[in-house]
Amino acid sequence: MNYLLALALFFSINALAQVRLPTNDAGLVQYQELVRVPDAKRTARQIMEQTRAWANKYYPLANEAEQQYDQEHSILFVRTFYQIGKQAVRYTLTIETKFGRYRATITDLIVEENGRVQPVREASLTSDEINMPADSLAKNENLIKQIVTNQADLYRKIDKSCRDTLASLEQALTDDN
């Protein structure tokens, strides 16, 4: 009986450790917000001017963010990264402006560390997913738990960073200043 209780506890802790990120219809990680600005008469051009000012302030170092502006379609592409511990999380931020609103989308999230590159998945790994490919000699429960915990922590930080970026943009474009 104690064995079953311990097993149930292990699996419930394992399930709680998994972090899910928002995805698009194709199942790829994507953060997206469509925001109406308070001044509904603000043109796409005016919103884009504010957006570009925000981007220059939010990404102050020239080598930190590559910005490309499509003036014809009023779209700003920013390719940059978050530094999370020893890992760099690269991403693309696309901001499209229209009359009285904008849409901001974060996509293409990739984790880089020590030359390893790995796309960010919709959910952090579980111990079961790590255990599957490992042979019985390579299975170390403490190591697997640590990997699961570390990845869940990284995914929580990625989620917070993406949401903070979108919130900063929204604040900059919707403040009445």
N, C-alpha and C. Protein backbone atom coordinates (compact mmCIF):
# COMPACT_ATOMS: atom_id res chain seq x y z
N MET A 1 0.82 -1.19 0.00
CA MET A 1 0.00 0.00 0.00
C MET A 1 0.86 1.26 0.00
N ASN A 2 1.92 1.27 0.84
CA ASN A 2 2.82 2.41 0.88
C ASN A 2 3.49 2.63 -0.47
N TYR A 3 3.79 1.53 -1.16
CA TYR A 3 4.41 1.62 -2.47
C TYR A 3 3.48 2.36 -3.44
N LEU A 4 2.20 2.03 -3.44
CA LEU A 4 1.24 2.69 -4.33
C LEU A 4 1.09 4.16 -3.99
N LEU A 5 1.10 4.49 -2.72
CA LEU A 5 1.00 5.89 -2.29
C LEU A 5 2.24 6.67 -2.75
N ALA A 6 3.41 6.07 -2.59
CA ALA A 6 4.65 6.71 -3.02
C ALA A 6 4.67 6.90 -4.53
N LEU A 7 4.19 5.89 -5.26
CA LEU A 7 4.14 5.97 -6.72
C LEU A 7 3.18 7.07 -7.16
N ALA A 8 2.02 7.14 -6.55
CA ALA A 8 1.04 8.19 -6.88
C ALA A 8 1.61 9.57 -6.58
N LEU A 9 2.30 9.71 -5.46
CA LEU A 9 2.91 10.99 -5.09
C LEU A 9 3.97 11.38 -6.11
N PHE A 10 4.80 10.41 -6.52
CA PHE A 10 5.85 10.68 -7.50
C PHE A 10 5.25 11.20 -8.81
N PHE A 11 4.22 10.53 -9.30
CA PHE A 11 3.62 10.94 -10.56
C PHE A 11 2.89 12.27 -10.45
N SER A 12 2.29 12.58 -9.30
CA SER A 12 1.63 13.87 -9.15
C SER A 12 2.65 14.99 -9.08
N ILE A 13 3.78 14.77 -8.41
CA ILE A 13 4.84 15.78 -8.37
C ILE A 13 5.42 15.97 -9.76
N ASN A 14 5.61 14.86 -10.49
CA ASN A 14 6.14 14.93 -11.84
C ASN A 14 5.21 15.73 -12.74
N ALA A 15 3.91 15.50 -12.64
CA ALA A 15 2.94 16.21 -13.47
C ALA A 15 2.93 17.70 -13.12
N LEU A 16 3.08 18.03 -11.83
CA LEU A 16 3.09 19.43 -11.43
C LEU A 16 4.32 20.17 -11.93
N ALA A 17 5.42 19.45 -12.09
CA ALA A 17 6.66 20.08 -12.51
C ALA A 17 6.62 20.52 -13.97
N GLN A 18 5.79 19.89 -14.78
CA GLN A 18 5.75 20.23 -16.19
C GLN A 18 5.12 21.61 -16.39
N VAL A 19 5.76 22.40 -17.23
CA VAL A 19 5.28 23.76 -17.52
C VAL A 19 4.83 23.79 -18.98
N ARG A 20 3.62 24.25 -19.22
CA ARG A 20 3.09 24.36 -20.57
C ARG A 20 3.14 25.82 -21.01
N LEU A 21 3.54 26.02 -22.25
CA LEU A 21 3.61 27.36 -22.83
C LEU A 21 2.52 27.50 -23.89
N PRO A 22 2.10 28.72 -24.19
CA PRO A 22 1.05 28.90 -25.20
C PRO A 22 1.55 28.52 -26.60
N THR A 23 0.65 27.99 -27.40
CA THR A 23 1.02 27.56 -28.75
C THR A 23 0.05 28.11 -29.79
N ASN A 24 0.49 28.07 -31.04
CA ASN A 24 -0.38 28.45 -32.14
C ASN A 24 -1.09 27.20 -32.68
N ASP A 25 -1.82 27.34 -33.76
CA ASP A 25 -2.58 26.21 -34.33
C ASP A 25 -1.68 25.06 -34.79
N ALA A 26 -0.43 25.38 -35.12
CA ALA A 26 0.50 24.35 -35.58
C ALA A 26 1.21 23.65 -34.41
N GLY A 27 0.91 24.07 -33.18
CA GLY A 27 1.53 23.46 -32.01
C GLY A 27 2.88 24.04 -31.64
N LEU A 28 3.27 25.13 -32.28
CA LEU A 28 4.54 25.78 -31.97
C LEU A 28 4.34 26.84 -30.89
N VAL A 29 5.35 27.02 -30.04
CA VAL A 29 5.24 28.00 -28.96
C VAL A 29 5.08 29.39 -29.57
N GLN A 30 4.07 30.09 -29.10
CA GLN A 30 3.79 31.44 -29.60
C GLN A 30 3.05 32.24 -28.55
N TYR A 31 3.53 33.45 -28.33
CA TYR A 31 2.83 34.41 -27.47
C TYR A 31 2.29 35.47 -28.41
N GLN A 32 1.01 35.81 -28.24
CA GLN A 32 0.44 36.81 -29.14
C GLN A 32 -0.60 37.63 -28.40
N GLU A 33 -0.57 38.94 -28.66
CA GLU A 33 -1.56 39.85 -28.11
C GLU A 33 -2.04 40.79 -29.19
N LEU A 34 -3.32 41.00 -29.23
CA LEU A 34 -3.93 42.01 -30.08
C LEU A 34 -4.45 43.07 -29.13
N VAL A 35 -3.94 44.30 -29.29
CA VAL A 35 -4.25 45.36 -28.33
C VAL A 35 -4.80 46.58 -29.06
N ARG A 36 -5.92 47.05 -28.57
CA ARG A 36 -6.48 48.31 -29.07
C ARG A 36 -5.92 49.43 -28.21
N VAL A 37 -5.42 50.45 -28.86
CA VAL A 37 -4.85 51.57 -28.12
C VAL A 37 -5.99 52.49 -27.67
N PRO A 38 -5.80 53.21 -26.56
CA PRO A 38 -6.89 54.07 -26.05
C PRO A 38 -7.38 55.11 -27.05
N ASP A 39 -6.46 55.67 -27.81
CA ASP A 39 -6.82 56.65 -28.83
C ASP A 39 -7.09 55.90 -30.13
N ALA A 40 -8.33 55.53 -30.35
CA ALA A 40 -8.70 54.70 -31.50
C ALA A 40 -8.43 55.38 -32.84
N LYS A 41 -8.16 56.69 -32.83
CA LYS A 41 -7.90 57.41 -34.07
C LYS A 41 -6.41 57.48 -34.40
N ARG A 42 -5.59 56.85 -33.57
CA ARG A 42 -4.15 56.85 -33.82
C ARG A 42 -3.87 55.98 -35.04
N THR A 43 -3.11 56.53 -35.98
CA THR A 43 -2.82 55.81 -37.22
C THR A 43 -1.78 54.72 -36.99
N ALA A 44 -1.72 53.80 -37.95
CA ALA A 44 -0.72 52.73 -37.89
C ALA A 44 0.68 53.32 -37.87
N ARG A 45 0.88 54.39 -38.60
CA ARG A 45 2.19 55.05 -38.65
C ARG A 45 2.56 55.62 -37.28
N GLN A 46 1.62 56.27 -36.61
CA GLN A 46 1.89 56.83 -35.28
C GLN A 46 2.19 55.72 -34.27
N ILE A 47 1.41 54.66 -34.34
CA ILE A 47 1.65 53.53 -33.42
C ILE A 47 3.02 52.92 -33.69
N MET A 48 3.40 52.80 -34.97
CA MET A 48 4.70 52.24 -35.31
C MET A 48 5.83 53.14 -34.83
N GLU A 49 5.66 54.45 -34.90
CA GLU A 49 6.69 55.36 -34.40
C GLU A 49 6.91 55.13 -32.90
N GLN A 50 5.82 54.97 -32.16
CA GLN A 50 5.93 54.68 -30.73
C GLN A 50 6.55 53.30 -30.50
N THR A 51 6.18 52.35 -31.33
CA THR A 51 6.71 50.99 -31.23
C THR A 51 8.22 50.99 -31.43
N ARG A 52 8.67 51.68 -32.44
CA ARG A 52 10.11 51.74 -32.72
C ARG A 52 10.86 52.45 -31.60
N ALA A 53 10.25 53.50 -31.03
CA ALA A 53 10.87 54.18 -29.89
C ALA A 53 10.96 53.23 -28.69
N TRP A 54 9.89 52.47 -28.46
CA TRP A 54 9.90 51.48 -27.37
C TRP A 54 11.01 50.45 -27.62
N ALA A 55 11.10 49.93 -28.84
CA ALA A 55 12.10 48.89 -29.16
C ALA A 55 13.51 49.42 -28.95
N ASN A 56 13.77 50.66 -29.34
CA ASN A 56 15.10 51.24 -29.15
C ASN A 56 15.43 51.42 -27.67
N LYS A 57 14.42 51.69 -26.88
CA LYS A 57 14.63 51.83 -25.43
C LYS A 57 14.72 50.46 -24.75
N TYR A 58 13.85 49.53 -25.14
CA TYR A 58 13.79 48.20 -24.52
C TYR A 58 15.03 47.37 -24.87
N TYR A 59 15.55 47.57 -26.08
CA TYR A 59 16.74 46.86 -26.54
C TYR A 59 17.83 47.91 -26.82
N PRO A 60 18.45 48.47 -25.79
CA PRO A 60 19.35 49.62 -25.98
C PRO A 60 20.67 49.31 -26.70
N LEU A 61 21.16 48.10 -26.60
CA LEU A 61 22.44 47.78 -27.24
C LEU A 61 22.23 47.38 -28.68
N ALA A 62 23.02 47.95 -29.56
CA ALA A 62 22.88 47.67 -30.99
C ALA A 62 23.07 46.19 -31.31
N ASN A 63 23.98 45.52 -30.58
CA ASN A 63 24.22 44.12 -30.87
C ASN A 63 23.24 43.19 -30.14
N GLU A 64 22.36 43.75 -29.33
CA GLU A 64 21.39 42.95 -28.57
C GLU A 64 20.20 42.55 -29.43
N ALA A 65 19.80 43.39 -30.34
CA ALA A 65 18.60 43.12 -31.13
C ALA A 65 18.78 43.57 -32.57
N GLU A 66 18.42 42.69 -33.47
CA GLU A 66 18.41 43.05 -34.89
C GLU A 66 16.98 43.47 -35.23
N GLN A 67 16.84 44.70 -35.70
CA GLN A 67 15.51 45.20 -36.03
C GLN A 67 15.39 45.40 -37.54
N GLN A 68 14.27 44.97 -38.08
CA GLN A 68 13.96 45.20 -39.49
C GLN A 68 12.56 45.79 -39.56
N TYR A 69 12.44 46.87 -40.30
CA TYR A 69 11.16 47.56 -40.40
C TYR A 69 10.64 47.48 -41.82
N ASP A 70 9.44 46.95 -41.98
CA ASP A 70 8.75 46.89 -43.26
C ASP A 70 7.76 48.05 -43.27
N GLN A 71 8.20 49.16 -43.84
CA GLN A 71 7.39 50.38 -43.82
C GLN A 71 6.10 50.23 -44.63
N GLU A 72 6.18 49.51 -45.73
CA GLU A 72 5.01 49.34 -46.60
C GLU A 72 3.85 48.65 -45.87
N HIS A 73 4.17 47.65 -45.04
CA HIS A 73 3.13 46.88 -44.34
C HIS A 73 3.03 47.25 -42.86
N SER A 74 3.83 48.19 -42.42
CA SER A 74 3.84 48.66 -41.03
C SER A 74 4.07 47.50 -40.05
N ILE A 75 5.20 46.81 -40.28
CA ILE A 75 5.59 45.67 -39.45
C ILE A 75 7.03 45.86 -38.98
N LEU A 76 7.25 45.63 -37.70
CA LEU A 76 8.61 45.66 -37.15
C LEU A 76 8.97 44.25 -36.70
N PHE A 77 10.11 43.77 -37.18
CA PHE A 77 10.63 42.46 -36.78
C PHE A 77 11.83 42.71 -35.88
N VAL A 78 11.85 42.06 -34.72
CA VAL A 78 12.98 42.17 -33.81
C VAL A 78 13.47 40.76 -33.53
N ARG A 79 14.73 40.52 -33.81
CA ARG A 79 15.34 39.20 -33.53
C ARG A 79 16.35 39.43 -32.42
N THR A 80 16.14 38.81 -31.26
CA THR A 80 16.98 39.07 -30.10
C THR A 80 16.97 37.87 -29.16
N PHE A 81 17.34 38.09 -27.90
CA PHE A 81 17.40 36.98 -26.95
C PHE A 81 17.21 37.48 -25.52
N TYR A 82 16.83 36.54 -24.66
CA TYR A 82 16.81 36.75 -23.21
C TYR A 82 18.00 35.96 -22.67
N GLN A 83 18.74 36.54 -21.75
CA GLN A 83 19.79 35.79 -21.07
C GLN A 83 19.18 35.25 -19.79
N ILE A 84 19.09 33.93 -19.67
CA ILE A 84 18.53 33.29 -18.49
C ILE A 84 19.61 32.36 -17.94
N GLY A 85 20.28 32.83 -16.92
CA GLY A 85 21.40 32.07 -16.38
C GLY A 85 22.49 31.96 -17.44
N LYS A 86 22.94 30.76 -17.70
CA LYS A 86 23.98 30.53 -18.71
C LYS A 86 23.39 30.29 -20.09
N GLN A 87 22.08 30.37 -20.19
CA GLN A 87 21.41 30.07 -21.44
C GLN A 87 20.91 31.34 -22.11
N ALA A 88 20.99 31.34 -23.43
CA ALA A 88 20.41 32.42 -24.23
C ALA A 88 19.15 31.85 -24.88
N VAL A 89 18.05 32.55 -24.71
CA VAL A 89 16.79 32.13 -25.34
C VAL A 89 16.51 33.11 -26.47
N ARG A 90 16.77 32.67 -27.69
CA ARG A 90 16.57 33.51 -28.88
C ARG A 90 15.09 33.48 -29.27
N TYR A 91 14.63 34.60 -29.81
CA TYR A 91 13.23 34.68 -30.24
C TYR A 91 13.05 35.77 -31.27
N THR A 92 11.91 35.75 -31.93
CA THR A 92 11.52 36.78 -32.87
C THR A 92 10.27 37.45 -32.34
N LEU A 93 10.30 38.77 -32.29
CA LEU A 93 9.13 39.57 -31.92
C LEU A 93 8.67 40.30 -33.18
N THR A 94 7.42 40.07 -33.56
CA THR A 94 6.84 40.72 -34.74
C THR A 94 5.72 41.64 -34.25
N ILE A 95 5.80 42.91 -34.64
CA ILE A 95 4.77 43.87 -34.22
C ILE A 95 4.16 44.47 -35.49
N GLU A 96 2.85 44.24 -35.63
CA GLU A 96 2.11 44.74 -36.78
C GLU A 96 1.14 45.81 -36.29
N THR A 97 1.18 46.98 -36.92
CA THR A 97 0.29 48.05 -36.48
C THR A 97 -0.78 48.32 -37.53
N LYS A 98 -1.95 48.61 -37.03
CA LYS A 98 -3.10 48.99 -37.86
C LYS A 98 -3.72 50.22 -37.21
N PHE A 99 -4.70 50.77 -37.85
CA PHE A 99 -5.40 51.94 -37.33
C PHE A 99 -6.00 51.62 -35.96
N GLY A 100 -5.50 52.24 -34.91
CA GLY A 100 -6.06 52.10 -33.57
C GLY A 100 -5.69 50.82 -32.82
N ARG A 101 -4.79 49.99 -33.39
CA ARG A 101 -4.45 48.74 -32.71
C ARG A 101 -3.11 48.20 -33.22
N TYR A 102 -2.63 47.21 -32.50
CA TYR A 102 -1.42 46.51 -32.94
C TYR A 102 -1.51 45.06 -32.50
N ARG A 103 -0.72 44.23 -33.16
CA ARG A 103 -0.60 42.83 -32.78
C ARG A 103 0.88 42.54 -32.58
N ALA A 104 1.21 41.98 -31.42
CA ALA A 104 2.58 41.60 -31.10
C ALA A 104 2.64 40.09 -30.95
N THR A 105 3.63 39.48 -31.59
CA THR A 105 3.77 38.03 -31.59
C THR A 105 5.22 37.65 -31.31
N ILE A 106 5.41 36.78 -30.34
CA ILE A 106 6.74 36.23 -30.05
C ILE A 106 6.75 34.78 -30.52
N THR A 107 7.71 34.46 -31.39
CA THR A 107 7.82 33.11 -31.96
C THR A 107 9.29 32.71 -32.05
N ASP A 108 9.53 31.54 -32.62
CA ASP A 108 10.87 31.04 -32.93
C ASP A 108 11.78 30.97 -31.70
N LEU A 109 11.24 30.52 -30.57
CA LEU A 109 12.03 30.45 -29.35
C LEU A 109 13.00 29.27 -29.41
N ILE A 110 14.27 29.56 -29.18
CA ILE A 110 15.33 28.57 -29.23
C ILE A 110 16.26 28.80 -28.04
N VAL A 111 16.63 27.72 -27.34
CA VAL A 111 17.55 27.80 -26.22
C VAL A 111 18.94 27.41 -26.70
N GLU A 112 19.93 28.26 -26.38
CA GLU A 112 21.32 27.97 -26.71
C GLU A 112 22.14 27.93 -25.42
N GLU A 113 22.98 26.89 -25.30
CA GLU A 113 23.87 26.79 -24.15
C GLU A 113 25.07 25.92 -24.54
N ASN A 114 26.26 26.45 -24.36
CA ASN A 114 27.49 25.71 -24.64
C ASN A 114 27.49 25.06 -26.02
N GLY A 115 27.04 25.80 -27.02
CA GLY A 115 27.03 25.28 -28.39
C GLY A 115 25.85 24.38 -28.73
N ARG A 116 25.05 24.02 -27.74
CA ARG A 116 23.85 23.21 -28.00
C ARG A 116 22.68 24.14 -28.31
N VAL A 117 21.91 23.79 -29.31
CA VAL A 117 20.74 24.57 -29.70
C VAL A 117 19.53 23.65 -29.65
N GLN A 118 18.47 24.12 -28.99
CA GLN A 118 17.28 23.30 -28.85
C GLN A 118 16.04 24.18 -28.92
N PRO A 119 15.08 23.83 -29.77
CA PRO A 119 13.84 24.62 -29.81
C PRO A 119 13.07 24.49 -28.50
N VAL A 120 12.37 25.55 -28.14
CA VAL A 120 11.52 25.50 -26.96
C VAL A 120 10.24 24.77 -27.36
N ARG A 121 9.92 23.73 -26.61
CA ARG A 121 8.73 22.92 -26.87
C ARG A 121 7.52 23.51 -26.16
N GLU A 122 6.35 23.00 -26.47
CA GLU A 122 5.13 23.52 -25.84
C GLU A 122 5.07 23.19 -24.36
N ALA A 123 5.80 22.17 -23.91
CA ALA A 123 5.81 21.79 -22.50
C ALA A 123 7.19 21.28 -22.12
N SER A 124 7.57 21.55 -20.89
CA SER A 124 8.84 21.03 -20.40
C SER A 124 8.75 19.51 -20.30
N LEU A 125 9.89 18.87 -20.31
CA LEU A 125 9.94 17.41 -20.26
C LEU A 125 9.48 16.86 -18.92
N THR A 126 8.94 15.66 -18.95
CA THR A 126 8.61 14.94 -17.73
C THR A 126 9.68 13.87 -17.52
N SER A 127 9.73 13.32 -16.33
CA SER A 127 10.71 12.26 -16.07
C SER A 127 10.41 11.03 -16.94
N ASP A 128 9.15 10.78 -17.24
CA ASP A 128 8.81 9.64 -18.11
C ASP A 128 9.39 9.83 -19.51
N GLU A 129 9.34 11.05 -20.03
CA GLU A 129 9.89 11.32 -21.36
C GLU A 129 11.41 11.17 -21.37
N ILE A 130 12.05 11.53 -20.28
CA ILE A 130 13.51 11.37 -20.19
C ILE A 130 13.87 9.91 -20.01
N ASN A 131 13.08 9.18 -19.23
CA ASN A 131 13.35 7.77 -18.95
C ASN A 131 13.22 6.88 -20.19
N MET A 132 12.30 7.22 -21.09
CA MET A 132 12.04 6.35 -22.24
C MET A 132 13.29 6.00 -23.04
N PRO A 133 14.05 6.98 -23.52
CA PRO A 133 15.20 6.61 -24.35
C PRO A 133 16.40 6.10 -23.56
N ALA A 134 16.43 6.33 -22.26
CA ALA A 134 17.59 5.92 -21.47
C ALA A 134 17.56 4.41 -21.24
N ASP A 135 18.74 3.79 -21.33
CA ASP A 135 18.79 2.37 -21.01
C ASP A 135 18.84 2.21 -19.49
N SER A 136 18.60 1.02 -19.02
CA SER A 136 18.47 0.80 -17.57
C SER A 136 19.74 1.16 -16.82
N LEU A 137 20.91 1.06 -17.44
CA LEU A 137 22.15 1.40 -16.76
C LEU A 137 22.33 2.91 -16.63
N ALA A 138 21.76 3.67 -17.57
CA ALA A 138 21.96 5.12 -17.58
C ALA A 138 20.91 5.86 -16.74
N LYS A 139 19.90 5.16 -16.27
CA LYS A 139 18.82 5.82 -15.52
C LYS A 139 19.28 6.14 -14.10
N ASN A 140 19.32 7.41 -13.79
CA ASN A 140 19.67 7.87 -12.47
C ASN A 140 18.52 8.77 -12.02
N GLU A 141 17.71 8.30 -11.10
CA GLU A 141 16.49 9.02 -10.72
C GLU A 141 16.76 10.44 -10.25
N ASN A 142 17.82 10.64 -9.45
CA ASN A 142 18.12 11.98 -8.96
C ASN A 142 18.51 12.91 -10.10
N LEU A 143 19.30 12.41 -11.04
CA LEU A 143 19.70 13.20 -12.19
C LEU A 143 18.48 13.55 -13.05
N ILE A 144 17.63 12.59 -13.27
CA ILE A 144 16.42 12.83 -14.07
C ILE A 144 15.51 13.85 -13.40
N LYS A 145 15.33 13.74 -12.09
CA LYS A 145 14.52 14.72 -11.35
C LYS A 145 15.12 16.11 -11.47
N GLN A 146 16.45 16.20 -11.40
CA GLN A 146 17.12 17.50 -11.51
C GLN A 146 16.94 18.11 -12.89
N ILE A 147 17.04 17.27 -13.93
CA ILE A 147 16.83 17.75 -15.30
C ILE A 147 15.40 18.27 -15.46
N VAL A 148 14.43 17.51 -14.97
CA VAL A 148 13.02 17.90 -15.06
C VAL A 148 12.80 19.22 -14.33
N THR A 149 13.35 19.34 -13.13
CA THR A 149 13.19 20.56 -12.34
C THR A 149 13.85 21.75 -13.02
N ASN A 150 15.06 21.56 -13.54
CA ASN A 150 15.78 22.65 -14.21
C ASN A 150 15.05 23.13 -15.45
N GLN A 151 14.54 22.18 -16.24
CA GLN A 151 13.84 22.58 -17.46
C GLN A 151 12.52 23.28 -17.12
N ALA A 152 11.80 22.79 -16.12
CA ALA A 152 10.56 23.44 -15.72
C ALA A 152 10.84 24.87 -15.24
N ASP A 153 11.92 25.04 -14.50
CA ASP A 153 12.31 26.37 -14.02
C ASP A 153 12.65 27.28 -15.20
N LEU A 154 13.40 26.76 -16.17
CA LEU A 154 13.73 27.53 -17.37
C LEU A 154 12.46 27.93 -18.11
N TYR A 155 11.52 27.00 -18.29
CA TYR A 155 10.28 27.31 -19.00
C TYR A 155 9.45 28.36 -18.25
N ARG A 156 9.45 28.31 -16.92
CA ARG A 156 8.75 29.35 -16.16
C ARG A 156 9.40 30.72 -16.40
N LYS A 157 10.71 30.76 -16.46
CA LYS A 157 11.43 32.01 -16.70
C LYS A 157 11.20 32.52 -18.13
N ILE A 158 11.17 31.60 -19.09
CA ILE A 158 10.87 31.99 -20.47
C ILE A 158 9.47 32.58 -20.54
N ASP A 159 8.51 31.92 -19.92
CA ASP A 159 7.13 32.40 -19.90
C ASP A 159 7.05 33.81 -19.30
N LYS A 160 7.70 34.00 -18.18
CA LYS A 160 7.70 35.32 -17.52
C LYS A 160 8.36 36.37 -18.41
N SER A 161 9.48 36.05 -19.01
CA SER A 161 10.19 37.01 -19.87
C SER A 161 9.34 37.42 -21.07
N CYS A 162 8.70 36.45 -21.72
CA CYS A 162 7.85 36.76 -22.88
C CYS A 162 6.67 37.63 -22.46
N ARG A 163 6.02 37.26 -21.37
CA ARG A 163 4.88 38.04 -20.91
C ARG A 163 5.30 39.46 -20.47
N ASP A 164 6.47 39.57 -19.84
CA ASP A 164 6.97 40.89 -19.43
C ASP A 164 7.26 41.77 -20.64
N THR A 165 7.81 41.19 -21.71
CA THR A 165 8.09 41.95 -22.93
C THR A 165 6.79 42.50 -23.53
N LEU A 166 5.79 41.64 -23.65
CA LEU A 166 4.51 42.07 -24.22
C LEU A 166 3.83 43.11 -23.32
N ALA A 167 3.95 42.95 -22.01
CA ALA A 167 3.36 43.93 -21.07
C ALA A 167 4.06 45.27 -21.17
N SER A 168 5.37 45.25 -21.34
CA SER A 168 6.13 46.50 -21.48
C SER A 168 5.71 47.24 -22.74
N LEU A 169 5.56 46.52 -23.84
CA LEU A 169 5.12 47.12 -25.09
C LEU A 169 3.72 47.71 -24.93
N GLU A 170 2.83 46.94 -24.33
CA GLU A 170 1.46 47.42 -24.15
C GLU A 170 1.43 48.68 -23.29
N GLN A 171 2.19 48.69 -22.23
CA GLN A 171 2.24 49.88 -21.37
C GLN A 171 2.75 51.09 -22.14
N ALA A 172 3.79 50.90 -22.95
CA ALA A 172 4.36 52.00 -23.71
C ALA A 172 3.37 52.55 -24.74
N LEU A 173 2.54 51.68 -25.32
CA LEU A 173 1.63 52.12 -26.38
C LEU A 173 0.24 52.51 -25.88
N THR A 174 -0.07 52.18 -24.64
CA THR A 174 -1.41 52.51 -24.16
C THR A 174 -1.42 53.57 -23.06
N ASP A 175 -0.24 53.94 -22.56
CA ASP A 175 -0.21 55.03 -21.57
C ASP A 175 -0.69 56.32 -22.21
N ASP A 176 -1.34 57.14 -21.45
CA ASP A 176 -1.92 58.40 -21.97
C ASP A 176 -0.91 59.53 -22.07
N ASN A 177 0.37 59.22 -22.00
CA ASN A 177 1.40 60.28 -22.04
C ASN A 177 1.45 60.95 -23.38
